[in-house]
Protein backbone atom coordinates (compact mmCIF):
# COMPACT_ATOMS: atom_id res chain seq x y z
CA UNK A 1 -2.87 -10.56 1.79
CA UNK A 2 -4.72 -12.20 4.67
CA UNK A 3 -7.61 -14.28 3.36
CA UNK A 4 -9.01 -16.48 6.16
CA UNK A 5 -12.51 -17.85 5.82
CA UNK A 6 -13.37 -17.14 9.44
CA UNK A 7 -12.00 -14.81 12.14
CA UNK A 8 -8.97 -16.40 13.77
CA UNK A 9 -9.00 -15.21 17.39
CA UNK A 10 -5.63 -16.76 18.45
CA UNK A 11 -3.95 -15.14 15.44
CA UNK A 12 -5.56 -11.80 16.32
CA UNK A 13 -4.22 -12.08 19.86
CA UNK A 14 -0.71 -12.87 18.62
CA UNK A 15 -1.01 -9.82 16.38
CA UNK A 16 -0.64 -7.50 19.40
CA UNK A 17 0.47 -9.98 22.05
CA UNK A 18 3.25 -7.92 23.61
CA UNK A 19 1.42 -4.60 24.25
CA UNK A 20 -1.69 -6.52 25.34
CA UNK A 21 0.33 -8.62 27.78
CA UNK A 22 1.96 -5.50 29.23
CA UNK A 23 -1.44 -3.87 29.63
CA UNK A 24 -2.83 -6.96 31.39
CA UNK A 25 0.12 -7.11 33.80
CA UNK A 26 -0.21 -3.40 34.54
CA UNK A 27 -3.93 -3.91 35.25
CA UNK A 28 -3.09 -6.69 37.71
CA UNK A 29 -0.61 -4.45 39.53
CA UNK A 30 -3.21 -1.69 39.89
CA UNK A 31 -5.90 -4.12 41.09
CA UNK A 32 -3.61 -5.80 43.63
CA UNK A 33 -2.51 -2.43 45.00
CA UNK A 34 -6.11 -1.20 45.24
CA UNK A 35 -7.81 -4.32 46.61
CA UNK A 36 -5.18 -5.96 48.78
CA UNK A 37 -2.99 -3.01 49.82
CA UNK A 38 -5.92 -0.57 50.05
CA UNK A 39 -4.32 2.10 47.89
CA UNK A 40 -7.63 3.89 47.37
CA UNK A 41 -6.03 6.85 45.68
CA UNK A 42 -5.58 4.64 42.60
CA UNK A 43 -9.31 4.74 41.95
CA UNK A 44 -10.21 7.61 39.63
CA UNK A 45 -13.81 6.88 38.64
CA UNK A 46 -14.38 10.40 37.32
CA UNK A 47 -11.90 10.01 34.47
CA UNK A 48 -13.69 10.82 31.19
CA UNK A 49 -12.97 7.38 29.69
CA UNK A 50 -16.11 7.35 27.55
CA UNK A 51 -15.37 10.76 26.04
CA UNK A 52 -11.71 9.90 25.47
CA UNK A 53 -12.60 6.53 24.00
CA UNK A 54 -15.12 8.09 21.64
CA UNK A 55 -12.61 10.68 20.46
CA UNK A 56 -9.95 8.04 19.94
CA UNK A 57 -12.44 5.90 18.03
CA UNK A 58 -13.16 8.74 15.63
CA UNK A 59 -9.45 9.45 15.11
CA UNK A 60 -8.67 5.76 14.59
CA UNK A 61 -11.56 5.41 12.15
CA UNK A 62 -10.26 8.31 10.09
CA UNK A 63 -6.68 7.02 10.19
CA UNK A 64 -7.72 3.49 9.21
CA UNK A 65 -9.83 4.87 6.38
CA UNK A 66 -6.77 6.66 5.02
CA UNK A 67 -4.66 3.52 5.43
CA UNK A 68 -7.22 1.35 3.67
CA UNK A 69 -7.52 3.92 0.87
CA UNK A 70 -3.77 3.54 0.25
CA UNK A 71 -4.06 -0.26 0.28
CA UNK A 72 -7.08 -0.25 -2.02
CA UNK A 73 -5.42 2.14 -4.46
CA UNK A 74 -2.45 -0.24 -4.58
CA UNK A 75 -4.80 -3.14 -5.26
CA UNK A 76 -6.60 -1.15 -7.96
CA UNK A 77 -3.32 -0.27 -9.66
CA UNK A 78 -2.33 -3.93 -9.72
CA UNK A 79 -5.73 -4.76 -11.14
CA UNK A 80 -4.90 -2.40 -14.00
CA UNK A 81 -1.53 -4.11 -14.41
CA UNK A 82 -3.29 -7.48 -14.72
CA UNK A 83 -5.78 -6.15 -17.26
CA UNK A 84 -3.30 -4.31 -19.45
CA UNK A 85 -0.85 -7.21 -19.31
CA UNK A 86 -3.58 -9.37 -20.81
CA UNK A 87 -4.33 -6.71 -23.41
CA UNK A 88 -0.69 -6.34 -24.46
CA UNK A 89 -0.20 -10.10 -24.60
CA UNK A 90 -3.39 -10.67 -26.57
CA UNK A 91 -2.61 -7.89 -29.04
CA UNK A 92 0.99 -9.02 -29.53
CA UNK A 93 -0.19 -12.55 -30.37
CA UNK A 94 -3.22 -11.61 -32.47
CA UNK A 95 -1.93 -8.65 -34.46
CA UNK A 96 1.38 -9.96 -35.75
CA UNK A 97 0.36 -11.77 -38.92
CA UNK A 98 1.99 -15.05 -39.90
CA UNK A 99 -0.20 -15.64 -42.94
CA UNK A 100 0.88 -12.45 -44.71
CA UNK A 101 4.58 -13.11 -44.12
CA UNK A 102 5.04 -16.91 -44.56
CA UNK A 103 8.80 -16.56 -45.03
CA UNK A 104 9.06 -14.94 -41.58
CA UNK A 105 6.77 -17.41 -39.81
CA UNK A 106 9.40 -18.67 -37.38
CA UNK A 107 10.79 -15.22 -36.64
CA UNK A 108 7.32 -13.79 -36.01
CA UNK A 109 6.45 -16.56 -33.58
CA UNK A 110 9.74 -16.06 -31.77
CA UNK A 111 9.08 -12.31 -31.52
CA UNK A 112 5.58 -12.93 -30.18
CA UNK A 113 7.00 -15.18 -27.51
CA UNK A 114 9.73 -12.68 -26.61
CA UNK A 115 7.21 -9.86 -26.23
CA UNK A 116 4.95 -11.98 -24.02
CA UNK A 117 7.86 -13.23 -21.93
CA UNK A 118 9.20 -9.70 -21.55
CA UNK A 119 5.79 -8.73 -20.20
CA UNK A 120 5.96 -11.60 -17.70
CA UNK A 121 9.46 -10.51 -16.71
CA UNK A 122 8.19 -6.94 -16.34
CA UNK A 123 5.42 -7.72 -13.83
CA UNK A 124 7.67 -9.99 -11.77
CA UNK A 125 10.48 -7.43 -11.75
CA UNK A 126 8.02 -4.74 -10.65
CA UNK A 127 6.73 -6.98 -7.87
CA UNK A 128 10.25 -7.57 -6.58
CA UNK A 129 11.15 -3.88 -6.80
CA UNK A 130 8.14 -2.86 -4.77
CA UNK A 131 8.86 -5.49 -2.12
CA UNK A 132 12.58 -4.71 -2.02
CA UNK A 133 13.54 -8.21 -3.20
CA UNK A 134 16.22 -9.46 -5.57
CA UNK A 135 14.49 -9.79 -8.99
CA UNK A 136 17.07 -11.96 -10.76
CA UNK A 137 15.82 -15.41 -9.64
CA UNK A 138 12.31 -14.43 -10.73
CA UNK A 139 13.43 -13.37 -14.22
CA UNK A 140 15.21 -16.63 -15.04
CA UNK A 141 12.13 -18.40 -16.52
CA UNK A 142 11.36 -15.49 -18.85
CA UNK A 143 14.65 -13.97 -20.03
CA UNK A 144 17.93 -15.43 -21.24
CA UNK A 145 21.02 -15.27 -19.06
CA UNK A 146 22.52 -12.65 -21.40
CA UNK A 147 19.43 -10.47 -21.11
CA UNK A 148 19.42 -10.76 -17.32
CA UNK A 149 23.11 -9.89 -17.11
CA UNK A 150 22.56 -6.81 -19.26
CA UNK A 151 19.89 -5.62 -16.80
CA UNK A 152 22.01 -5.83 -13.67
CA UNK A 153 23.28 -2.27 -13.87
CA UNK A 154 19.82 -0.73 -14.30
CA UNK A 155 18.31 1.38 -11.51
CA UNK A 156 14.74 0.54 -12.55
CA UNK A 157 14.76 -2.96 -13.98
CA UNK A 158 11.02 -3.09 -14.70
CA UNK A 159 11.11 0.15 -16.71
CA UNK A 160 14.10 -1.06 -18.73
CA UNK A 161 12.36 -4.35 -19.54
CA UNK A 162 9.36 -2.41 -20.76
CA UNK A 163 11.60 -0.21 -22.93
CA UNK A 164 13.10 -3.29 -24.55
CA UNK A 165 9.64 -4.70 -25.11
CA UNK A 166 8.68 -1.48 -26.87
CA UNK A 167 11.71 -1.88 -29.13
CA UNK A 168 10.58 -5.41 -30.02
CA UNK A 169 7.14 -4.10 -30.92
CA UNK A 170 8.60 -1.25 -32.96
CA UNK A 171 10.83 -3.69 -34.82
CA UNK A 172 7.77 -5.79 -35.67
CA UNK A 173 6.12 -2.71 -37.13
CA UNK A 174 9.22 -1.86 -39.14
CA UNK A 175 9.23 -5.38 -40.61
CA UNK A 176 5.60 -5.04 -41.64
CA UNK A 177 4.14 -7.45 -39.07
CA UNK A 178 2.14 -4.66 -37.42
CA UNK A 179 0.44 -1.63 -38.91
CA UNK A 180 0.39 1.87 -37.41
CA UNK A 181 -2.96 1.39 -35.67
CA UNK A 182 -1.87 -1.86 -34.05
CA UNK A 183 1.40 -0.26 -32.99
CA UNK A 184 -0.55 2.58 -31.38
CA UNK A 185 -2.77 0.17 -29.44
CA UNK A 186 0.19 -1.77 -28.12
CA UNK A 187 2.01 1.43 -27.18
CA UNK A 188 -1.11 2.65 -25.39
CA UNK A 189 -1.13 -0.55 -23.34
CA UNK A 190 2.51 -0.05 -22.39
CA UNK A 191 1.75 3.54 -21.40
CA UNK A 192 -1.05 2.40 -19.10
CA UNK A 193 1.30 -0.12 -17.51
CA UNK A 194 3.89 2.62 -16.98
CA UNK A 195 1.22 4.83 -15.38
CA UNK A 196 0.21 2.04 -13.01
CA UNK A 197 3.87 1.44 -12.12
CA UNK A 198 4.28 5.14 -11.34
CA UNK A 199 1.26 5.01 -9.05
CA UNK A 200 2.68 2.02 -7.17
CA UNK A 201 6.04 3.74 -6.78
CA UNK A 202 4.30 6.87 -5.47
CA UNK A 203 2.58 4.84 -2.75
CA UNK A 204 5.78 2.96 -1.95
CA UNK A 205 7.93 6.08 -1.58
CA UNK A 206 5.37 8.39 0.07
CA UNK A 207 4.71 7.07 3.59
CA UNK A 208 2.26 8.55 6.04
CA UNK A 209 3.69 11.45 8.08
CA UNK A 210 5.50 9.96 11.05
CA UNK A 211 4.26 12.55 13.55
CA UNK A 212 0.68 11.69 12.56
CA UNK A 213 1.36 8.03 13.33
CA UNK A 214 3.30 8.81 16.51
CA UNK A 215 0.67 10.97 18.20
CA UNK A 216 -2.16 8.51 17.56
CA UNK A 217 -0.09 5.69 19.03
CA UNK A 218 0.91 7.88 21.98
CA UNK A 219 -2.67 8.81 22.86
CA UNK A 220 -3.77 5.16 22.63
CA UNK A 221 -0.99 4.14 25.00
CA UNK A 222 -1.96 6.89 27.46
CA UNK A 223 -5.60 5.84 27.26
CA UNK A 224 -4.73 2.19 27.93
CA UNK A 225 -2.60 3.20 30.92
CA UNK A 226 -5.41 5.17 32.58
CA UNK A 227 -8.07 2.53 31.90
CA UNK A 228 -7.53 0.50 35.10
CA UNK A 229 -7.59 3.64 37.26
CA UNK A 230 -11.02 4.54 35.93
CA UNK A 231 -12.41 0.99 36.20
CA UNK A 232 -10.96 -0.42 39.40
CA UNK A 233 -13.48 1.18 41.76
CA UNK A 234 -16.43 -0.42 39.95
CA UNK A 235 -14.96 -3.67 38.60
CA UNK A 236 -12.53 -4.59 41.34
CA UNK A 237 -10.83 -7.89 40.56
CA UNK A 238 -12.45 -7.97 37.12
CA UNK A 239 -10.61 -4.82 36.07
CA UNK A 240 -7.84 -6.65 34.11
CA UNK A 241 -10.48 -8.36 31.96
CA UNK A 242 -12.49 -5.23 31.22
CA UNK A 243 -9.43 -3.05 30.67
CA UNK A 244 -7.68 -5.61 28.46
CA UNK A 245 -10.76 -6.17 26.30
CA UNK A 246 -11.20 -2.46 25.71
CA UNK A 247 -7.46 -1.95 25.19
CA UNK A 248 -7.37 -4.88 22.77
CA UNK A 249 -9.87 -3.13 20.51
CA UNK A 250 -7.87 0.09 20.34
CA UNK A 251 -4.50 -1.63 20.00
CA UNK A 252 -5.77 -3.94 17.25
CA UNK A 253 -7.33 -1.10 15.27
CA UNK A 254 -4.16 0.97 15.56
CA UNK A 255 -2.00 -1.92 14.35
CA UNK A 256 -4.35 -2.73 11.47
CA UNK A 257 -4.31 0.87 10.27
CA UNK A 258 -0.52 1.01 10.48
CA UNK A 259 -0.13 -2.18 8.46
CA UNK A 260 -2.57 -1.09 5.76
CA UNK A 261 -0.45 2.00 5.12
CA UNK A 262 2.27 -0.19 3.58
CA UNK A 263 0.80 -2.43 0.84
CA UNK A 264 4.23 -3.25 -0.65
CA UNK A 265 6.26 -4.19 2.45
CA UNK A 266 6.44 -7.96 1.82
CA UNK A 267 4.27 -8.70 4.85
CA UNK A 268 1.07 -10.70 5.32
CA UNK A 269 -0.86 -7.47 4.73
CA UNK A 270 0.61 -6.96 1.24
CA UNK A 271 -1.36 -6.77 -1.95
CA UNK A 272 -1.25 -10.32 -3.35
CA UNK A 273 1.20 -9.47 -6.14
CA UNK A 274 2.72 -12.95 -6.38
CA UNK A 275 -0.71 -14.45 -7.02
CA UNK A 276 -1.54 -11.79 -9.62
CA UNK A 277 1.80 -12.30 -11.40
CA UNK A 278 1.04 -16.01 -11.58
CA UNK A 279 -2.42 -15.25 -12.99
CA UNK A 280 -0.84 -13.07 -15.68
CA UNK A 281 1.65 -15.83 -16.47
CA UNK A 282 -1.10 -18.42 -16.90
CA UNK A 283 -3.19 -16.16 -19.12
CA UNK A 284 -0.36 -15.00 -21.38
CA UNK A 285 1.08 -18.48 -21.82
CA UNK A 286 -2.36 -19.64 -22.84
CA UNK A 287 -2.38 -16.93 -25.52
CA UNK A 288 0.82 -18.47 -26.88
CA UNK A 289 -0.80 -21.89 -26.99
CA UNK A 290 1.47 -23.37 -24.33
CA UNK A 291 0.12 -26.37 -22.43
CA UNK A 292 2.66 -26.57 -19.57
CA UNK A 293 1.01 -23.96 -17.36
CA UNK A 294 1.94 -23.25 -13.74
CA UNK A 295 -0.62 -23.77 -10.99
CA UNK A 296 -2.34 -20.75 -9.42
CA UNK A 297 -0.93 -19.52 -6.12
CA UNK A 298 -2.90 -20.84 -3.15
CA UNK A 299 -3.15 -19.25 0.31
CA UNK A 300 -0.62 -20.51 2.84
CA UNK A 301 -1.99 -20.54 6.40
CA UNK A 302 -4.64 -18.01 5.42
CA UNK A 303 -2.22 -15.68 3.61
CA UNK A 304 -2.26 -15.17 -0.16
CA UNK A 305 1.04 -13.75 -1.40
């Protein structure tokens, strides 16, 4: 997730450097042909650039709104994952009673830790699945080697980790460490996590229609190509500047909308899942009373992962 304090103009230019450079070179060719080789037929001042630009602006605004809605829904779903991870961790630590079962004190504490660490493994596995990354290095701090090896054949590692966590909670209820109400609350938290995971997977596996994306990009390219023909009669040698500035706006908006459509593509435009997983880790380890806590994730060159 990009999180600069101030607009970074050089970075914005690099964002669309190639199409903008091609547009600028094309503008120069048109201006040279018109001014120095007197190719007057290149001047088309009656082109409806203002009408076309207005229509494209409306279309781009609608498309970017849809793209941002997808990105914001992804961020909202991960906000729910953060909240319910805290709830499940807090309930697992607070509800399992050590005082009532002194002979099982060590086993209860170990089960608490396993539930919390399974939750940490779950969010990190889900993050890796959504980004298409290998989850096994990320699970090492939370699961034993035997547990990781037993997960390698699973199609949905995060869902399997959650199933095993549910079995740990059920076993605690069977042993008398949790009552039926507490079991229901913990199961409700796991259900909410599963619902949020399903929402993330829906966004990941349901891209925008390609023809919708293609035609918008095509019309922007056509508009940028005709810009110098409509400007050269009035701007003359300044045409490359005026055309490139106007083209930059349309090209940048089109690229931004396209990037926002994919909040789980492991790019700088991603939802900051790594940072949120680290926040969950810090919070849940605090619930366990651990003092060796990892540091929060900081932005790297204006990008928070």
